[in-house]
């Protein structure tokens, strides 16, 4: 099944610049089988499957936002994206006076996620979009790239066919293709985008620093942590300075006792839960609580060092650096004992999936990438197994019972509620949960 499809039927209409006039047509976008451009024409009171727009602004926006759409993830939950982030990820930024559906596009490291919402009934506009997506649609990166590139090509070909040559769009897209086909240029643009910069907006020295860090941390791990140290870091001239300082700082050593697991397939939170159940089975601990001492033993760290550990206030991520003896040097960022337990469990989950790759750094952040979703799901199930929670709570979902369950398993009340919500046992309260909402912010 094709999860993402752009349909455009040319219909020359209106005036204005030739690029706009000659690329006017009926636009339809289908994501996850839902036509998010189905709309009510409020003037004629008719329902239409497509909407009359110009393809040129959308193709230009996709081209100018290309690298950020592919590589810049959502900010952490609870942090509203900046206007700059939204201009690069919301299709309404195509603008040019047209009423676009509200569509948000962002990567999570494995897929390109698409959110969409219907128009509010209160909006007094000529077009009211009727369909939203109940949950985001996860589109394969290659499928998204192919479909959007085909659309951009079709717009350029349309312009060439009607005599509009060497448009700003064709020049911009040619640069994108040249960079895509050049491995060094492609990684340069990726690092730039991960840190929240448009093309050529990031100082060259900063991007070169990121490229150097990728040889230390590995490309995948740098992609996890670079967004946390991007353009909004306190060190404006050197946004990666905090990361460099963290890498060079003292940590505490450990050597996990468990091997990496065979690959588990599925969405991140399901993979995390399944990995946690497997390791609990290997440890033969059933649904019983896991003490901090036993958790530390699995990771090969001293519980006294964990207890005494106090990170610097400005630390944005947690890392575990590979050592020559096969062990790890841990750099935790949490201070509260319960938060430290959850963080250690997250890094254990990360190790089970990635730990046996050569010199692989582990990384835990607040970002909403697939890797971080996997970690959170693993830690929640590993420390507070769902079957055990259900037996402990029974049918009493009062606030005091959730607090008792959290204390029993040594996790936060938020972790307990998230587990119950994500598995459809209770409805969410105001506490943030790991289920994605119809819009991500």
Protein backbone atom coordinates (compact mmCIF):
# COMPACT_ATOMS: atom_id res chain seq x y z
CA UNK A 1 0.00 0.00 0.00
CA UNK A 2 1.29 3.49 -0.91
CA UNK A 3 1.16 5.56 2.28
CA UNK A 4 1.89 8.95 0.75
CA UNK A 5 0.67 10.21 -2.61
CA UNK A 6 0.54 13.67 -4.18
CA UNK A 7 -1.94 14.13 -7.04
CA UNK A 8 -1.93 17.29 -9.16
CA UNK A 9 -4.04 17.95 -12.27
CA UNK A 10 -3.04 21.09 -14.16
CA UNK A 11 -5.69 23.73 -14.76
CA UNK A 12 -4.43 27.04 -16.09
CA UNK A 13 -6.27 29.82 -14.32
CA UNK A 14 -5.92 33.25 -12.84
CA UNK A 15 -3.15 35.80 -13.24
CA UNK A 16 0.04 36.63 -11.43
CA UNK A 17 3.58 35.46 -12.04
CA UNK A 18 3.97 32.83 -14.77
CA UNK A 19 5.37 30.30 -12.26
CA UNK A 20 2.15 30.58 -10.23
CA UNK A 21 -0.27 30.91 -13.13
CA UNK A 22 1.12 28.04 -15.20
CA UNK A 23 1.25 25.58 -12.29
CA UNK A 24 -2.28 26.09 -11.02
CA UNK A 25 -4.30 22.93 -10.70
CA UNK A 26 -6.34 20.61 -8.55
CA UNK A 27 -4.27 19.32 -5.63
CA UNK A 28 -4.97 16.15 -3.65
CA UNK A 29 -2.76 14.62 -0.96
CA UNK A 30 -3.39 11.17 0.50
CA UNK A 31 -1.57 10.02 3.64
CA UNK A 32 -2.20 6.62 5.17
CA UNK A 33 -5.25 6.16 2.95
CA UNK A 34 -6.83 9.44 4.13
CA UNK A 35 -7.44 12.28 1.69
CA UNK A 36 -6.34 15.23 3.81
CA UNK A 37 -7.28 17.71 1.07
CA UNK A 38 -10.96 16.76 0.95
CA UNK A 39 -12.71 20.04 1.60
CA UNK A 40 -15.94 21.96 1.74
CA UNK A 41 -16.18 24.91 -0.60
CA UNK A 42 -18.03 27.21 1.77
CA UNK A 43 -19.15 29.53 -1.04
CA UNK A 44 -20.79 26.86 -3.20
CA UNK A 45 -21.53 24.56 -0.24
CA UNK A 46 -20.07 21.57 -2.09
CA UNK A 47 -17.66 18.85 -1.01
CA UNK A 48 -14.58 18.40 -3.18
CA UNK A 49 -11.85 15.74 -3.12
CA UNK A 50 -9.22 18.22 -4.26
CA UNK A 51 -8.50 21.92 -3.98
CA UNK A 52 -7.48 24.52 -6.57
CA UNK A 53 -3.96 25.73 -5.75
CA UNK A 54 -0.65 26.44 -7.42
CA UNK A 55 1.92 23.66 -7.24
CA UNK A 56 4.84 26.07 -7.50
CA UNK A 57 4.79 27.38 -3.88
CA UNK A 58 4.51 23.85 -2.47
CA UNK A 59 7.33 22.52 -4.66
CA UNK A 60 9.51 25.49 -3.67
CA UNK A 61 8.79 24.95 0.01
CA UNK A 62 9.59 21.22 -0.23
CA UNK A 63 12.87 21.99 -2.02
CA UNK A 64 13.98 24.73 0.37
CA UNK A 65 13.05 22.62 3.43
CA UNK A 66 14.35 19.35 1.96
CA UNK A 67 17.21 18.63 4.34
CA UNK A 68 15.34 19.69 7.45
CA UNK A 69 12.28 17.62 6.48
CA UNK A 70 14.52 14.57 6.16
CA UNK A 71 16.78 15.07 9.18
CA UNK A 72 15.49 17.55 11.80
CA UNK A 73 13.32 15.80 14.42
CA UNK A 74 10.60 17.21 16.61
CA UNK A 75 11.75 19.06 19.73
CA UNK A 76 11.14 17.35 23.08
CA UNK A 77 7.56 16.91 24.24
CA UNK A 78 6.31 19.96 26.09
CA UNK A 79 8.52 22.37 24.15
CA UNK A 80 6.64 24.25 21.46
CA UNK A 81 8.60 24.43 18.21
CA UNK A 82 10.01 27.79 17.21
CA UNK A 83 8.54 29.78 14.33
CA UNK A 84 11.64 28.86 12.33
CA UNK A 85 11.07 25.12 12.92
CA UNK A 86 7.43 25.43 11.92
CA UNK A 87 8.30 27.29 8.71
CA UNK A 88 10.46 24.32 7.71
CA UNK A 89 7.98 21.59 8.72
CA UNK A 90 4.43 22.93 8.25
CA UNK A 91 3.07 22.91 4.71
CA UNK A 92 1.12 26.12 5.38
CA UNK A 93 4.50 27.86 5.09
CA UNK A 94 4.17 27.41 1.31
CA UNK A 95 1.68 30.29 1.55
CA UNK A 96 1.64 32.63 -1.53
CA UNK A 97 -1.92 33.51 -0.60
CA UNK A 98 -3.33 29.99 -0.92
CA UNK A 99 -5.21 28.10 1.80
CA UNK A 100 -3.13 25.00 2.43
CA UNK A 101 -4.17 22.12 4.70
CA UNK A 102 -2.36 22.08 8.02
CA UNK A 103 0.17 19.29 7.55
CA UNK A 104 3.24 18.75 9.72
CA UNK A 105 6.17 16.67 8.45
CA UNK A 106 9.14 15.54 10.56
CA UNK A 107 11.53 12.56 10.67
CA UNK A 108 12.05 10.24 13.63
CA UNK A 109 15.23 8.50 12.45
CA UNK A 110 13.43 5.56 10.86
CA UNK A 111 10.49 7.10 9.04
CA UNK A 112 9.04 10.41 7.96
CA UNK A 113 6.00 11.16 10.11
CA UNK A 114 3.05 13.12 8.74
CA UNK A 115 0.38 14.75 10.89
CA UNK A 116 -2.71 16.51 9.57
CA UNK A 117 -5.71 18.19 11.13
CA UNK A 118 -9.02 19.41 9.80
CA UNK A 119 -9.87 23.11 9.66
CA UNK A 120 -11.46 24.52 12.82
CA UNK A 121 -15.18 25.17 12.43
CA UNK A 122 -14.57 28.71 13.63
CA UNK A 123 -12.41 29.58 10.62
CA UNK A 124 -14.20 31.91 8.23
CA UNK A 125 -12.44 30.77 5.04
CA UNK A 126 -13.58 29.89 1.53
CA UNK A 127 -12.16 26.36 1.93
CA UNK A 128 -12.58 24.17 5.01
CA UNK A 129 -10.49 21.00 5.10
CA UNK A 130 -12.55 18.15 6.50
CA UNK A 131 -10.12 15.33 7.30
CA UNK A 132 -7.32 14.99 9.78
CA UNK A 133 -5.20 12.02 10.80
CA UNK A 134 -6.09 10.38 14.11
CA UNK A 135 -2.47 9.30 14.50
CA UNK A 136 0.61 10.27 12.49
CA UNK A 137 1.37 8.25 9.38
CA UNK A 138 4.88 6.77 9.31
CA UNK A 139 6.19 6.81 5.75
CA UNK A 140 9.36 5.07 4.65
CA UNK A 141 12.10 7.59 3.97
CA UNK A 142 12.64 6.34 0.43
CA UNK A 143 8.92 6.45 -0.35
CA UNK A 144 8.66 10.01 0.93
CA UNK A 145 11.74 11.13 -1.00
CA UNK A 146 10.55 9.45 -4.20
CA UNK A 147 7.04 10.90 -4.06
CA UNK A 148 8.09 14.44 -3.20
CA UNK A 149 10.94 14.42 -5.73
CA UNK A 150 8.54 13.18 -8.45
CA UNK A 151 6.15 16.00 -7.60
CA UNK A 152 8.91 18.64 -7.76
CA UNK A 153 10.13 17.22 -11.08
CA UNK A 154 6.60 17.38 -12.49
CA UNK A 155 6.32 21.07 -11.58
CA UNK A 156 9.65 21.87 -13.23
CA UNK A 157 8.67 19.89 -16.34
CA UNK A 158 5.35 21.75 -16.47
CA UNK A 159 7.15 25.09 -16.43
CA UNK A 160 9.57 23.99 -19.14
CA UNK A 161 6.67 22.77 -21.30
CA UNK A 162 4.93 26.18 -21.17
CA UNK A 163 8.13 28.13 -21.84
CA UNK A 164 9.13 29.15 -18.31
CA UNK A 165 12.79 28.16 -18.27
CA UNK A 166 15.41 28.33 -15.51
CA UNK A 167 12.97 29.17 -12.74
CA UNK A 168 14.17 29.74 -9.20
CA UNK A 169 12.69 26.34 -8.35
CA UNK A 170 14.67 24.50 -11.02
CA UNK A 171 17.89 26.12 -9.82
CA UNK A 172 17.15 25.30 -6.19
CA UNK A 173 16.21 21.70 -6.96
CA UNK A 174 19.33 21.21 -9.08
CA UNK A 175 21.43 22.18 -6.06
CA UNK A 176 19.55 19.70 -3.87
CA UNK A 177 20.15 16.89 -6.35
CA UNK A 178 23.84 17.74 -6.73
CA UNK A 179 24.28 17.66 -2.95
CA UNK A 180 22.29 14.43 -2.64
CA UNK A 181 24.63 12.74 -5.11
CA UNK A 182 27.77 13.97 -3.31
CA UNK A 183 28.34 11.93 -0.10
CA UNK A 184 30.32 14.67 1.66
CA UNK A 185 27.89 17.44 0.68
CA UNK A 186 24.95 15.25 1.66
CA UNK A 187 26.32 14.61 5.15
CA UNK A 188 27.21 18.30 5.47
CA UNK A 189 23.59 19.26 4.78
CA UNK A 190 22.33 16.54 7.12
CA UNK A 191 24.42 17.80 10.05
CA UNK A 192 23.39 21.37 9.30
CA UNK A 193 19.71 20.40 9.27
CA UNK A 194 19.92 18.26 12.43
CA UNK A 195 21.09 21.33 14.32
CA UNK A 196 18.12 23.34 13.04
CA UNK A 197 19.75 25.41 10.30
CA UNK A 198 18.59 26.11 6.78
CA UNK A 199 21.02 25.51 3.93
CA UNK A 200 24.17 27.66 4.26
CA UNK A 201 22.82 29.28 7.43
CA UNK A 202 25.05 27.40 9.86
CA UNK A 203 28.65 28.66 10.24
CA UNK A 204 31.00 26.36 8.36
CA UNK A 205 33.18 25.85 11.43
CA UNK A 206 30.19 24.50 13.37
CA UNK A 207 29.28 22.00 10.65
CA UNK A 208 32.92 20.89 10.38
CA UNK A 209 32.92 20.35 14.15
CA UNK A 210 29.81 18.18 13.79
CA UNK A 211 31.44 16.16 11.01
CA UNK A 212 34.48 15.59 13.22
CA UNK A 213 32.24 14.46 16.08
CA UNK A 214 30.56 11.90 13.82
CA UNK A 215 33.88 10.06 13.57
CA UNK A 216 33.96 9.85 17.38
CA UNK A 217 30.35 9.15 18.31
CA UNK A 218 29.35 7.43 15.08
CA UNK A 219 26.94 8.90 12.57
CA UNK A 220 23.83 7.37 14.10
CA UNK A 221 24.54 8.54 17.65
CA UNK A 222 25.50 12.03 16.54
CA UNK A 223 22.13 12.23 14.79
CA UNK A 224 20.49 11.49 18.14
CA UNK A 225 22.33 14.14 20.15
CA UNK A 226 23.14 16.94 17.66
CA UNK A 227 19.56 18.34 17.68
CA UNK A 228 19.84 18.82 21.46
CA UNK A 229 22.93 20.98 20.91
CA UNK A 230 21.72 22.86 17.85
CA UNK A 231 21.10 26.51 17.09
CA UNK A 232 19.20 27.12 20.32
CA UNK A 233 22.04 26.01 22.60
CA UNK A 234 23.30 28.67 25.00
CA UNK A 235 26.70 28.77 23.30
CA UNK A 236 25.49 30.55 20.16
CA UNK A 237 28.88 30.76 18.47
CA UNK A 238 29.72 27.13 19.32
CA UNK A 239 26.48 25.22 19.84
CA UNK A 240 28.36 21.92 20.09
CA UNK A 241 30.69 23.13 22.84
CA UNK A 242 28.54 21.54 25.53
CA UNK A 243 28.69 18.18 23.76
CA UNK A 244 32.46 18.41 23.39
CA UNK A 245 32.74 19.20 27.10
CA UNK A 246 30.53 16.24 28.00
CA UNK A 247 32.60 13.82 25.91
CA UNK A 248 35.80 14.96 27.62
CA UNK A 249 34.33 14.87 31.14
CA UNK A 250 34.73 12.23 33.82
CA UNK A 251 32.07 9.55 34.12
CA UNK A 252 31.83 6.21 35.89
CA UNK A 253 32.64 2.84 34.39
CA UNK A 254 30.56 -0.27 33.85
CA UNK A 255 30.46 -3.43 31.77
CA UNK A 256 26.99 -4.84 30.96
CA UNK A 257 26.56 -8.54 31.62
CA UNK A 258 23.93 -9.12 28.93
CA UNK A 259 24.66 -9.56 25.21
CA UNK A 260 22.90 -7.60 22.49
CA UNK A 261 19.66 -9.20 21.35
CA UNK A 262 18.55 -10.47 17.99
CA UNK A 263 16.63 -7.92 15.99
CA UNK A 264 13.01 -7.29 16.96
CA UNK A 265 10.69 -5.85 14.34
CA UNK A 266 7.74 -3.50 14.67
CA UNK A 267 7.09 0.05 15.81
CA UNK A 268 9.56 1.42 18.40
CA UNK A 269 7.38 1.11 21.51
CA UNK A 270 6.46 -2.47 20.69
CA UNK A 271 10.09 -3.38 20.10
CA UNK A 272 11.04 -1.82 23.42
CA UNK A 273 8.36 -3.66 25.35
CA UNK A 274 9.22 -7.00 23.76
CA UNK A 275 12.95 -6.57 24.45
CA UNK A 276 12.19 -5.81 28.11
CA UNK A 277 10.01 -8.90 28.47
CA UNK A 278 12.74 -11.07 26.96
CA UNK A 279 15.45 -9.79 29.29
CA UNK A 280 13.16 -10.20 32.31
CA UNK A 281 12.56 -13.78 31.25
CA UNK A 282 16.31 -14.39 30.95
CA UNK A 283 16.79 -12.90 34.44
CA UNK A 284 13.91 -15.07 35.73
CA UNK A 285 12.40 -12.28 37.82
CA UNK A 286 8.78 -12.60 36.71
CA UNK A 287 6.80 -9.44 37.46
CA UNK A 288 8.71 -8.64 40.63
CA UNK A 289 10.23 -5.19 41.26
CA UNK A 290 13.86 -4.74 40.25
CA UNK A 291 16.10 -3.22 42.92
CA UNK A 292 18.57 -0.50 42.04
CA UNK A 293 21.39 -2.85 43.08
CA UNK A 294 20.20 -5.54 40.65
CA UNK A 295 19.78 -2.99 37.88
CA UNK A 296 23.33 -1.74 38.47
CA UNK A 297 24.61 -5.32 38.49
CA UNK A 298 23.10 -5.95 35.04
CA UNK A 299 24.91 -2.88 33.74
CA UNK A 300 28.11 -3.74 35.60
CA UNK A 301 28.20 -0.42 37.46
CA UNK A 302 28.63 0.25 41.18
CA UNK A 303 25.42 1.32 42.85
CA UNK A 304 27.39 3.65 45.15
CA UNK A 305 28.78 5.52 42.15
CA UNK A 306 25.31 5.86 40.67
CA UNK A 307 23.95 7.13 43.99
CA UNK A 308 26.74 9.70 44.34
CA UNK A 309 26.69 10.81 40.73
CA UNK A 310 25.74 14.46 40.14
CA UNK A 311 25.82 15.80 36.57
CA UNK A 312 26.43 19.42 35.59
CA UNK A 313 23.25 21.48 35.26
CA UNK A 314 23.79 22.27 31.59
CA UNK A 315 24.04 18.62 30.49
CA UNK A 316 21.45 18.04 27.74
CA UNK A 317 21.89 14.32 26.97
CA UNK A 318 23.14 11.10 28.53
CA UNK A 319 25.97 9.16 26.93
CA UNK A 320 27.77 5.88 27.45
CA UNK A 321 31.18 5.80 25.77
CA UNK A 322 32.74 2.51 24.64
CA UNK A 323 36.02 1.55 26.33
CA UNK A 324 38.90 -0.59 25.15
CA UNK A 325 38.05 -3.38 27.60
CA UNK A 326 34.56 -3.75 26.13
CA UNK A 327 33.00 -1.72 28.92
CA UNK A 328 31.31 1.66 28.95
CA UNK A 329 31.91 5.03 30.59
CA UNK A 330 28.53 6.42 31.69
CA UNK A 331 27.57 10.10 31.72
CA UNK A 332 24.11 10.32 33.32
CA UNK A 333 22.17 13.58 33.33
CA UNK A 334 19.47 12.83 35.90
CA UNK A 335 19.74 13.67 39.59
CA UNK A 336 16.71 12.15 41.31
CA UNK A 337 17.18 8.46 42.31
CA UNK A 338 14.00 7.37 40.50
CA UNK A 339 14.97 9.29 37.36
CA UNK A 340 18.45 7.73 37.48
CA UNK A 341 16.91 4.24 37.55
CA UNK A 342 14.80 5.00 34.49
CA UNK A 343 17.79 6.49 32.70
CA UNK A 344 19.96 3.46 33.43
CA UNK A 345 17.19 1.21 32.14
CA UNK A 346 16.95 3.28 28.95
CA UNK A 347 20.69 2.92 28.36
CA UNK A 348 20.42 -0.82 29.00
CA UNK A 349 17.74 -1.01 26.33
CA UNK A 350 19.94 0.99 23.99
CA UNK A 351 22.83 -1.38 24.68
CA UNK A 352 20.73 -4.46 23.98
CA UNK A 353 19.95 -3.14 20.51
CA UNK A 354 23.19 -1.38 19.61
CA UNK A 355 25.85 -2.38 22.12
CA UNK A 356 27.70 -4.97 20.08
CA UNK A 357 28.30 -2.67 17.14
CA UNK A 358 31.96 -1.72 17.03
CA UNK A 359 32.77 1.27 19.28
CA UNK A 360 29.11 2.24 19.47
CA UNK A 361 28.15 5.10 21.76
CA UNK A 362 24.84 4.90 23.61
CA UNK A 363 22.72 8.04 23.83
CA UNK A 364 19.58 9.02 25.71
CA UNK A 365 17.77 12.31 25.06
CA UNK A 366 14.38 14.01 25.43
CA UNK A 367 13.84 14.02 21.67
CA UNK A 368 11.03 12.06 20.00
CA UNK A 369 13.08 9.91 17.65
CA UNK A 370 12.31 6.23 17.12
CA UNK A 371 15.42 5.25 19.09
CA UNK A 372 14.32 7.29 22.10
CA UNK A 373 10.75 5.95 21.89
CA UNK A 374 12.19 2.43 21.93
CA UNK A 375 14.28 3.26 25.00
CA UNK A 376 11.37 4.73 26.95
CA UNK A 377 9.15 1.76 26.17
CA UNK A 378 11.92 -0.65 27.17
CA UNK A 379 12.61 1.12 30.47
CA UNK A 380 8.93 1.32 31.39
CA UNK A 381 8.29 -2.39 30.75
CA UNK A 382 11.60 -3.49 32.26
CA UNK A 383 11.13 -1.60 35.53
CA UNK A 384 7.34 -1.83 35.81
CA UNK A 385 5.99 -4.72 33.68
CA UNK A 386 2.44 -4.18 32.48
CA UNK A 387 1.19 -7.54 33.72
CA UNK A 388 2.59 -6.79 37.16
CA UNK A 389 1.05 -3.32 37.21
CA UNK A 390 -2.35 -4.73 36.29
CA UNK A 391 -2.17 -7.31 39.08
CA UNK A 392 -1.04 -4.69 41.62
CA UNK A 393 -3.65 -2.08 40.66
CA UNK A 394 -6.60 -4.33 39.91
CA UNK A 395 -9.58 -2.11 39.08
CA UNK A 396 -8.51 0.81 41.28
CA UNK A 397 -7.11 3.55 39.05
CA UNK A 398 -7.20 6.27 41.68
CA UNK A 399 -4.32 8.72 41.98
CA UNK A 400 -3.24 7.20 45.31
CA UNK A 401 -3.16 3.67 43.82
CA UNK A 402 -1.02 4.82 40.87
CA UNK A 403 1.35 6.45 43.35
CA UNK A 404 1.53 3.21 45.35
CA UNK A 405 2.27 1.21 42.18
CA UNK A 406 4.98 3.67 41.21
CA UNK A 407 6.60 3.39 44.63
CA UNK A 408 6.39 -0.42 44.51
CA UNK A 409 8.26 -0.60 41.20
CA UNK A 410 10.58 2.34 41.82
CA UNK A 411 9.39 4.46 38.89
CA UNK A 412 7.57 7.76 38.56
CA UNK A 413 3.80 8.05 38.66
CA UNK A 414 4.01 9.45 35.13
CA UNK A 415 5.72 6.25 33.94
CA UNK A 416 2.92 4.13 35.44
CA UNK A 417 0.19 6.24 33.89
CA UNK A 418 1.94 6.25 30.53
CA UNK A 419 2.12 2.46 30.56
CA UNK A 420 -1.59 2.17 31.30
CA UNK A 421 -2.58 4.81 28.75
CA UNK A 422 -0.37 3.47 25.97
CA UNK A 423 -1.88 0.03 26.40
CA UNK A 424 -5.45 1.34 26.34
CA UNK A 425 -6.22 0.51 29.96
CA UNK A 426 -7.01 4.07 31.09
CA UNK A 427 -7.57 7.38 29.29
CA UNK A 428 -4.88 10.06 29.55
CA UNK A 429 -4.90 12.88 32.06
CA UNK A 430 -2.87 16.05 31.72
CA UNK A 431 0.31 14.08 32.28
CA UNK A 432 2.29 13.80 29.03
CA UNK A 433 2.21 10.32 27.57
CA UNK A 434 4.05 8.57 24.80
CA UNK A 435 1.05 8.25 22.54
CA UNK A 436 1.30 10.67 19.64
CA UNK A 437 -1.58 13.13 19.46
CA UNK A 438 -3.27 14.15 16.18
CA UNK A 439 -0.78 17.02 16.07
CA UNK A 440 2.63 16.79 17.75
CA UNK A 441 2.29 20.15 19.56
